[in-house]
Amino acid sequence: MAKNMQPIAKRCRALGISPAVMGYSKKTSNRNPGGKMRRKKSEYSMQLTEKQKVKFIYGIMEKQFRAYYEKAEQAEGKTGAVLLTLIERRLDNVIFRLGLAATRREARQLVSHSHFTVNGKKVNIPSYLVKVGDVIEVKEKSRSTARFKAIADGETSSIVTPKWLEKNENLLGGKVVAAPQREDIDFPVEEHLIVELYSK
């Protein structure tokens, strides 16, 4: 998988988002989202920026992002909102949302290293889409690792668990109690611009 090696803070400024959305400290200020020069953007540039923003936040490459878009386009409801809530259901994002990883990047690595189970079965695919009723837990053998022992010992995460997830501190995991909604997306994004971009 290709990686963008640009510093997180710099990338956040360019896309106009807070580093806190990525799980990083708010101390990295975002005084001038969009860079030093605030030039008027073209319609295409604004559309592209919104797409890049979502891809960057969730750590998704273009091929996979387009696949999500095509799936959202075929589903009921507004394509843009469906797209965002579909991506929100990724297992790596759920691990991040439950406070079991400091960032989505770390969550993706932890999932790939087989540290989690879904409904009792090992899942090591970060893009796995959870559904209502799924129970996500840290694998029994992984609970003794330093990362998860720290969480078990009360080192709480500053990440606020969204209402569609129910956190279980004792089991180092949680449950999907509802489908994520558009209002659960906690960063500014104009998804209609993404739809316009792909509709051309």
C-alpha atoms as a PDB file:
ATOM      1  CA  MET A   1       0.000   0.000   0.000  1.00  0.00           C
ATOM      2  CA  ALA A   2       1.292   3.432  -0.894  1.00  0.00           C
ATOM      3  CA  LYS A   3       1.836   5.825   1.978  1.00  0.00           C
ATOM      4  CA  ASN A   4       1.698   9.592   2.203  1.00  0.00           C
ATOM      5  CA  MET A   5       4.858  10.525   4.104  1.00  0.00           C
ATOM      6  CA  GLN A   6       3.870  14.166   4.595  1.00  0.00           C
ATOM      7  CA  PRO A   7       3.761  15.133   8.314  1.00  0.00           C
ATOM      8  CA  ILE A   8       0.312  14.648   9.883  1.00  0.00           C
ATOM      9  CA  ALA A   9       0.044  18.246  11.127  1.00  0.00           C
ATOM     10  CA  LYS A  10       0.980  19.698   7.755  1.00  0.00           C
ATOM     11  CA  ARG A  11      -1.505  17.439   5.962  1.00  0.00           C
ATOM     12  CA  CYS A  12      -4.235  18.390   8.451  1.00  0.00           C
ATOM     13  CA  ARG A  13      -3.613  22.094   7.823  1.00  0.00           C
ATOM     14  CA  ALA A  14      -3.759  21.583   4.066  1.00  0.00           C
ATOM     15  CA  LEU A  15      -7.093  19.769   4.330  1.00  0.00           C
ATOM     16  CA  GLY A  16      -8.554  22.098   6.967  1.00  0.00           C
ATOM     17  CA  ILE A  17      -9.054  19.537   9.737  1.00  0.00           C
ATOM     18  CA  SER A  18      -7.967  19.370  13.364  1.00  0.00           C
ATOM     19  CA  PRO A  19      -5.225  16.838  14.253  1.00  0.00           C
ATOM     20  CA  ALA A  20      -7.553  15.766  17.094  1.00  0.00           C
ATOM     21  CA  VAL A  21      -9.772  14.098  14.474  1.00  0.00           C
ATOM     22  CA  MET A  22      -6.811  11.853  13.692  1.00  0.00           C
ATOM     23  CA  GLY A  23      -6.215  11.071  17.367  1.00  0.00           C
ATOM     24  CA  TYR A  24      -3.308  13.493  17.705  1.00  0.00           C
ATOM     25  CA  SER A  25      -2.867  16.267  20.250  1.00  0.00           C
ATOM     26  CA  LYS A  26      -4.820  19.486  19.786  1.00  0.00           C
ATOM     27  CA  LYS A  27      -1.604  21.336  20.655  1.00  0.00           C
ATOM     28  CA  THR A  28      -0.724  21.054  17.001  1.00  0.00           C
ATOM     29  CA  SER A  29      -2.733  24.102  16.072  1.00  0.00           C
ATOM     30  CA  ASN A  30      -4.734  24.593  12.941  1.00  0.00           C
ATOM     31  CA  ARG A  31      -4.680  28.360  12.835  1.00  0.00           C
ATOM     32  CA  ASN A  32      -4.685  28.559   9.082  1.00  0.00           C
ATOM     33  CA  PRO A  33      -6.455  25.551   7.593  1.00  0.00           C
ATOM     34  CA  GLY A  34      -5.681  25.374   3.931  1.00  0.00           C
ATOM     35  CA  GLY A  35      -2.106  26.656   4.153  1.00  0.00           C
ATOM     36  CA  LYS A  36      -0.449  30.059   4.201  1.00  0.00           C
ATOM     37  CA  MET A  37      -2.136  31.500   1.137  1.00  0.00           C
ATOM     38  CA  ARG A  38      -5.911  31.548   1.063  1.00  0.00           C
ATOM     39  CA  ARG A  39      -6.490  31.592  -2.648  1.00  0.00           C
ATOM     40  CA  LYS A  40      -9.942  31.046  -4.068  1.00  0.00           C
ATOM     41  CA  LYS A  41     -10.301  27.417  -5.031  1.00  0.00           C
ATOM     42  CA  SER A  42     -11.892  26.130  -8.200  1.00  0.00           C
ATOM     43  CA  GLU A  43     -14.959  23.906  -7.997  1.00  0.00           C
ATOM     44  CA  TYR A  44     -12.884  20.867  -8.934  1.00  0.00           C
ATOM     45  CA  SER A  45     -10.255  21.718  -6.317  1.00  0.00           C
ATOM     46  CA  MET A  46     -12.906  21.919  -3.566  1.00  0.00           C
ATOM     47  CA  GLN A  47     -14.393  18.596  -4.637  1.00  0.00           C
ATOM     48  CA  LEU A  48     -10.979  16.940  -4.700  1.00  0.00           C
ATOM     49  CA  THR A  49     -10.067  18.361  -1.291  1.00  0.00           C
ATOM     50  CA  GLU A  50     -13.178  16.863   0.313  1.00  0.00           C
ATOM     51  CA  LYS A  51     -12.398  13.453  -1.142  1.00  0.00           C
ATOM     52  CA  GLN A  52      -8.756  13.662  -0.039  1.00  0.00           C
ATOM     53  CA  LYS A  53      -9.873  14.705   3.443  1.00  0.00           C
ATOM     54  CA  VAL A  54     -12.010  11.584   3.964  1.00  0.00           C
ATOM     55  CA  LYS A  55      -9.377   9.298   2.422  1.00  0.00           C
ATOM     56  CA  PHE A  56      -6.689  10.794   4.670  1.00  0.00           C
ATOM     57  CA  ILE A  57      -8.711  10.574   7.886  1.00  0.00           C
ATOM     58  CA  TYR A  58      -9.633   6.927   7.400  1.00  0.00           C
ATOM     59  CA  GLY A  59      -6.397   5.894   5.681  1.00  0.00           C
ATOM     60  CA  ILE A  60      -8.038   4.663   2.475  1.00  0.00           C
ATOM     61  CA  MET A  61      -6.483   4.467  -0.973  1.00  0.00           C
ATOM     62  CA  GLU A  62      -8.300   5.513  -4.157  1.00  0.00           C
ATOM     63  CA  LYS A  63      -9.289   2.067  -5.452  1.00  0.00           C
ATOM     64  CA  GLN A  64     -10.937   1.101  -2.178  1.00  0.00           C
ATOM     65  CA  PHE A  65     -12.540   4.523  -1.771  1.00  0.00           C
ATOM     66  CA  ARG A  66     -14.139   4.284  -5.205  1.00  0.00           C
ATOM     67  CA  ALA A  67     -15.449   0.827  -4.314  1.00  0.00           C
ATOM     68  CA  TYR A  68     -17.113   2.318  -1.216  1.00  0.00           C
ATOM     69  CA  TYR A  69     -18.598   5.080  -3.363  1.00  0.00           C
ATOM     70  CA  GLU A  70     -20.039   2.627  -5.876  1.00  0.00           C
ATOM     71  CA  LYS A  71     -21.551   0.589  -3.052  1.00  0.00           C
ATOM     72  CA  ALA A  72     -23.046   3.743  -1.500  1.00  0.00           C
ATOM     73  CA  GLU A  73     -24.422   4.818  -4.865  1.00  0.00           C
ATOM     74  CA  GLN A  74     -26.419   1.594  -5.136  1.00  0.00           C
ATOM     75  CA  ALA A  75     -27.808   1.813  -1.590  1.00  0.00           C
ATOM     76  CA  GLU A  76     -30.921   3.652  -0.419  1.00  0.00           C
ATOM     77  CA  GLY A  77     -30.524   7.165   0.923  1.00  0.00           C
ATOM     78  CA  LYS A  78     -28.246  10.071   0.072  1.00  0.00           C
ATOM     79  CA  THR A  79     -25.100   8.721  -1.541  1.00  0.00           C
ATOM     80  CA  GLY A  80     -22.744  11.058   0.334  1.00  0.00           C
ATOM     81  CA  ALA A  81     -24.151  10.254   3.762  1.00  0.00           C
ATOM     82  CA  VAL A  82     -24.247   6.524   3.005  1.00  0.00           C
ATOM     83  CA  LEU A  83     -20.606   6.703   1.875  1.00  0.00           C
ATOM     84  CA  LEU A  84     -19.454   8.261   5.149  1.00  0.00           C
ATOM     85  CA  THR A  85     -21.426   5.902   7.381  1.00  0.00           C
ATOM     86  CA  LEU A  86     -20.234   2.916   5.350  1.00  0.00           C
ATOM     87  CA  ILE A  87     -16.589   3.857   5.877  1.00  0.00           C
ATOM     88  CA  GLU A  88     -17.309   4.576   9.550  1.00  0.00           C
ATOM     89  CA  ARG A  89     -18.144   0.877   9.966  1.00  0.00           C
ATOM     90  CA  ARG A  90     -14.589  -0.238   9.120  1.00  0.00           C
ATOM     91  CA  LEU A  91     -13.115  -2.400  11.886  1.00  0.00           C
ATOM     92  CA  ASP A  92      -9.984  -0.259  12.229  1.00  0.00           C
ATOM     93  CA  ASN A  93     -12.164   2.816  12.719  1.00  0.00           C
ATOM     94  CA  VAL A  94     -14.318   0.990  15.288  1.00  0.00           C
ATOM     95  CA  ILE A  95     -11.196  -0.003  17.247  1.00  0.00           C
ATOM     96  CA  PHE A  96     -10.140   3.663  17.242  1.00  0.00           C
ATOM     97  CA  ARG A  97     -13.632   4.821  18.232  1.00  0.00           C
ATOM     98  CA  LEU A  98     -13.644   2.395  21.171  1.00  0.00           C
ATOM     99  CA  GLY A  99     -10.384   3.884  22.451  1.00  0.00           C
ATOM    100  CA  LEU A 100      -8.441   0.647  21.911  1.00  0.00           C
ATOM    101  CA  ALA A 101      -5.924   2.486  19.721  1.00  0.00           C
ATOM    102  CA  ALA A 102      -4.617   6.052  19.868  1.00  0.00           C
ATOM    103  CA  THR A 103      -5.013   6.617  16.121  1.00  0.00           C
ATOM    104  CA  ARG A 104      -6.674   4.885  13.183  1.00  0.00           C
ATOM    105  CA  ARG A 105      -3.202   4.123  11.851  1.00  0.00           C
ATOM    106  CA  GLU A 106      -2.354   2.265  15.052  1.00  0.00           C
ATOM    107  CA  ALA A 107      -5.763   0.548  14.971  1.00  0.00           C
ATOM    108  CA  ARG A 108      -5.111  -0.647  11.421  1.00  0.00           C
ATOM    109  CA  GLN A 109      -1.782  -2.146  12.508  1.00  0.00           C
ATOM    110  CA  LEU A 110      -3.304  -3.833  15.575  1.00  0.00           C
ATOM    111  CA  VAL A 111      -6.079  -5.375  13.489  1.00  0.00           C
ATOM    112  CA  SER A 112      -3.563  -6.604  10.886  1.00  0.00           C
ATOM    113  CA  HIS A 113      -1.589  -8.268  13.688  1.00  0.00           C
ATOM    114  CA  SER A 114      -4.675 -10.274  14.708  1.00  0.00           C
ATOM    115  CA  HIS A 115      -5.278  -8.721  18.131  1.00  0.00           C
ATOM    116  CA  PHE A 116      -9.092  -8.638  17.845  1.00  0.00           C
ATOM    117  CA  THR A 117     -12.089 -10.901  17.487  1.00  0.00           C
ATOM    118  CA  VAL A 118     -15.533 -10.145  16.103  1.00  0.00           C
ATOM    119  CA  ASN A 119     -18.234 -12.345  17.613  1.00  0.00           C
ATOM    120  CA  GLY A 120     -15.509 -14.607  18.974  1.00  0.00           C
ATOM    121  CA  LYS A 121     -13.743 -15.115  15.632  1.00  0.00           C
ATOM    122  CA  LYS A 122     -10.360 -13.646  14.772  1.00  0.00           C
ATOM    123  CA  VAL A 123     -10.526 -10.886  12.165  1.00  0.00           C
ATOM    124  CA  ASN A 124      -7.323  -9.361  10.780  1.00  0.00           C
ATOM    125  CA  ILE A 125      -8.812  -7.299   7.944  1.00  0.00           C
ATOM    126  CA  PRO A 126      -8.885  -3.546   8.785  1.00  0.00           C
ATOM    127  CA  SER A 127     -11.540  -2.874   6.139  1.00  0.00           C
ATOM    128  CA  TYR A 128     -13.933  -5.461   7.596  1.00  0.00           C
ATOM    129  CA  LEU A 129     -17.351  -3.795   7.935  1.00  0.00           C
ATOM    130  CA  VAL A 130     -19.049  -4.345  11.269  1.00  0.00           C
ATOM    131  CA  LYS A 131     -22.823  -4.604  11.553  1.00  0.00           C
ATOM    132  CA  VAL A 132     -25.392  -4.083  14.297  1.00  0.00           C
ATOM    133  CA  GLY A 133     -25.045  -6.737  16.973  1.00  0.00           C
ATOM    134  CA  ASP A 134     -21.347  -7.435  16.381  1.00  0.00           C
ATOM    135  CA  VAL A 135     -19.199  -7.782  19.510  1.00  0.00           C
ATOM    136  CA  ILE A 136     -15.581  -6.677  19.180  1.00  0.00           C
ATOM    137  CA  GLU A 137     -13.021  -7.762  21.778  1.00  0.00           C
ATOM    138  CA  VAL A 138      -9.276  -7.878  22.288  1.00  0.00           C
ATOM    139  CA  LYS A 139      -8.134 -11.466  21.756  1.00  0.00           C
ATOM    140  CA  GLU A 140      -7.467 -13.325  25.020  1.00  0.00           C
ATOM    141  CA  LYS A 141      -3.771 -13.844  24.251  1.00  0.00           C
ATOM    142  CA  SER A 142      -3.307 -10.166  23.420  1.00  0.00           C
ATOM    143  CA  ARG A 143      -4.675  -8.799  26.695  1.00  0.00           C
ATOM    144  CA  SER A 144      -1.341  -9.290  28.456  1.00  0.00           C
ATOM    145  CA  THR A 145       0.523  -7.023  26.016  1.00  0.00           C
ATOM    146  CA  ALA A 146       1.672  -3.629  27.300  1.00  0.00           C
ATOM    147  CA  ARG A 147      -0.735  -1.760  25.003  1.00  0.00           C
ATOM    148  CA  PHE A 148      -3.860  -3.435  26.308  1.00  0.00           C
ATOM    149  CA  LYS A 149      -2.684  -3.845  29.908  1.00  0.00           C
ATOM    150  CA  ALA A 150      -2.387  -0.060  30.079  1.00  0.00           C
ATOM    151  CA  ILE A 151      -6.034   0.276  29.004  1.00  0.00           C
ATOM    152  CA  ALA A 152      -7.142  -2.428  31.458  1.00  0.00           C
ATOM    153  CA  ASP A 153      -5.257  -0.645  34.249  1.00  0.00           C
ATOM    154  CA  GLY A 154      -7.333   2.468  33.739  1.00  0.00           C
ATOM    155  CA  GLU A 155      -5.324   4.547  31.292  1.00  0.00           C
ATOM    156  CA  THR A 156      -8.430   5.975  29.676  1.00  0.00           C
ATOM    157  CA  SER A 157      -8.517   7.321  26.175  1.00  0.00           C
ATOM    158  CA  SER A 158      -9.619  10.881  25.433  1.00  0.00           C
ATOM    159  CA  ILE A 159     -11.608   9.558  22.476  1.00  0.00           C
ATOM    160  CA  VAL A 160     -15.352   9.894  23.012  1.00  0.00           C
ATOM    161  CA  THR A 161     -17.204   6.706  22.083  1.00  0.00           C
ATOM    162  CA  PRO A 162     -20.051   7.489  19.638  1.00  0.00           C
ATOM    163  CA  LYS A 163     -23.590   6.492  20.579  1.00  0.00           C
ATOM    164  CA  TRP A 164     -23.760   3.727  17.983  1.00  0.00           C
ATOM    165  CA  LEU A 165     -21.084   1.828  19.901  1.00  0.00           C
ATOM    166  CA  GLU A 166     -21.301   0.471  23.438  1.00  0.00           C
ATOM    167  CA  LYS A 167     -17.925   0.261  25.154  1.00  0.00           C
ATOM    168  CA  ASN A 168     -17.146  -2.624  27.526  1.00  0.00           C
ATOM    169  CA  GLU A 169     -14.177  -1.683  29.702  1.00  0.00           C
ATOM    170  CA  ASN A 170     -14.013  -5.095  31.420  1.00  0.00           C
ATOM    171  CA  LEU A 171     -13.759  -7.087  28.194  1.00  0.00           C
ATOM    172  CA  LEU A 172     -11.553  -4.559  26.402  1.00  0.00           C
ATOM    173  CA  GLY A 173     -14.003  -4.179  23.585  1.00  0.00           C
ATOM    174  CA  GLY A 174     -17.503  -3.148  22.736  1.00  0.00           C
ATOM    175  CA  LYS A 175     -20.671  -3.841  20.792  1.00  0.00           C
ATOM    176  CA  VAL A 176     -22.254  -2.264  17.726  1.00  0.00           C
ATOM    177  CA  VAL A 177     -25.670  -1.254  19.085  1.00  0.00           C
ATOM    178  CA  ALA A 178     -26.873   0.768  16.094  1.00  0.00           C
ATOM    179  CA  ALA A 179     -25.855   1.735  12.586  1.00  0.00           C
ATOM    180  CA  PRO A 180     -23.764   4.938  12.457  1.00  0.00           C
ATOM    181  CA  GLN A 181     -25.654   8.018  11.267  1.00  0.00           C
ATOM    182  CA  ARG A 182     -24.481  11.071   9.353  1.00  0.00           C
ATOM    183  CA  GLU A 183     -24.473  13.155  12.559  1.00  0.00           C
ATOM    184  CA  ASP A 184     -21.971  10.723  14.099  1.00  0.00           C
ATOM    185  CA  ILE A 185     -19.265  11.908  11.700  1.00  0.00           C
ATOM    186  CA  ASP A 186     -17.217  14.234  13.918  1.00  0.00           C
ATOM    187  CA  PHE A 187     -15.270  16.246  11.363  1.00  0.00           C
ATOM    188  CA  PRO A 188     -16.420  18.900   8.876  1.00  0.00           C
ATOM    189  CA  VAL A 189     -16.969  17.458   5.418  1.00  0.00           C
ATOM    190  CA  GLU A 190     -19.174  18.450   2.515  1.00  0.00           C
ATOM    191  CA  GLU A 191     -19.857  15.005   1.126  1.00  0.00           C
ATOM    192  CA  HIS A 192     -22.039  16.346  -1.683  1.00  0.00           C
ATOM    193  CA  LEU A 193     -18.823  17.653  -3.284  1.00  0.00           C
ATOM    194  CA  ILE A 194     -17.447  14.105  -3.369  1.00  0.00           C
ATOM    195  CA  VAL A 195     -20.627  12.913  -5.051  1.00  0.00           C
ATOM    196  CA  GLU A 196     -20.348  15.717  -7.587  1.00  0.00           C
ATOM    197  CA  LEU A 197     -16.741  14.763  -8.305  1.00  0.00           C
ATOM    198  CA  TYR A 198     -17.553  11.131  -9.001  1.00  0.00           C
ATOM    199  CA  SER A 199     -20.718  11.998 -10.929  1.00  0.00           C
ATOM    200  CA  LYS A 200     -18.791  13.801 -13.660  1.00  0.00           C
END
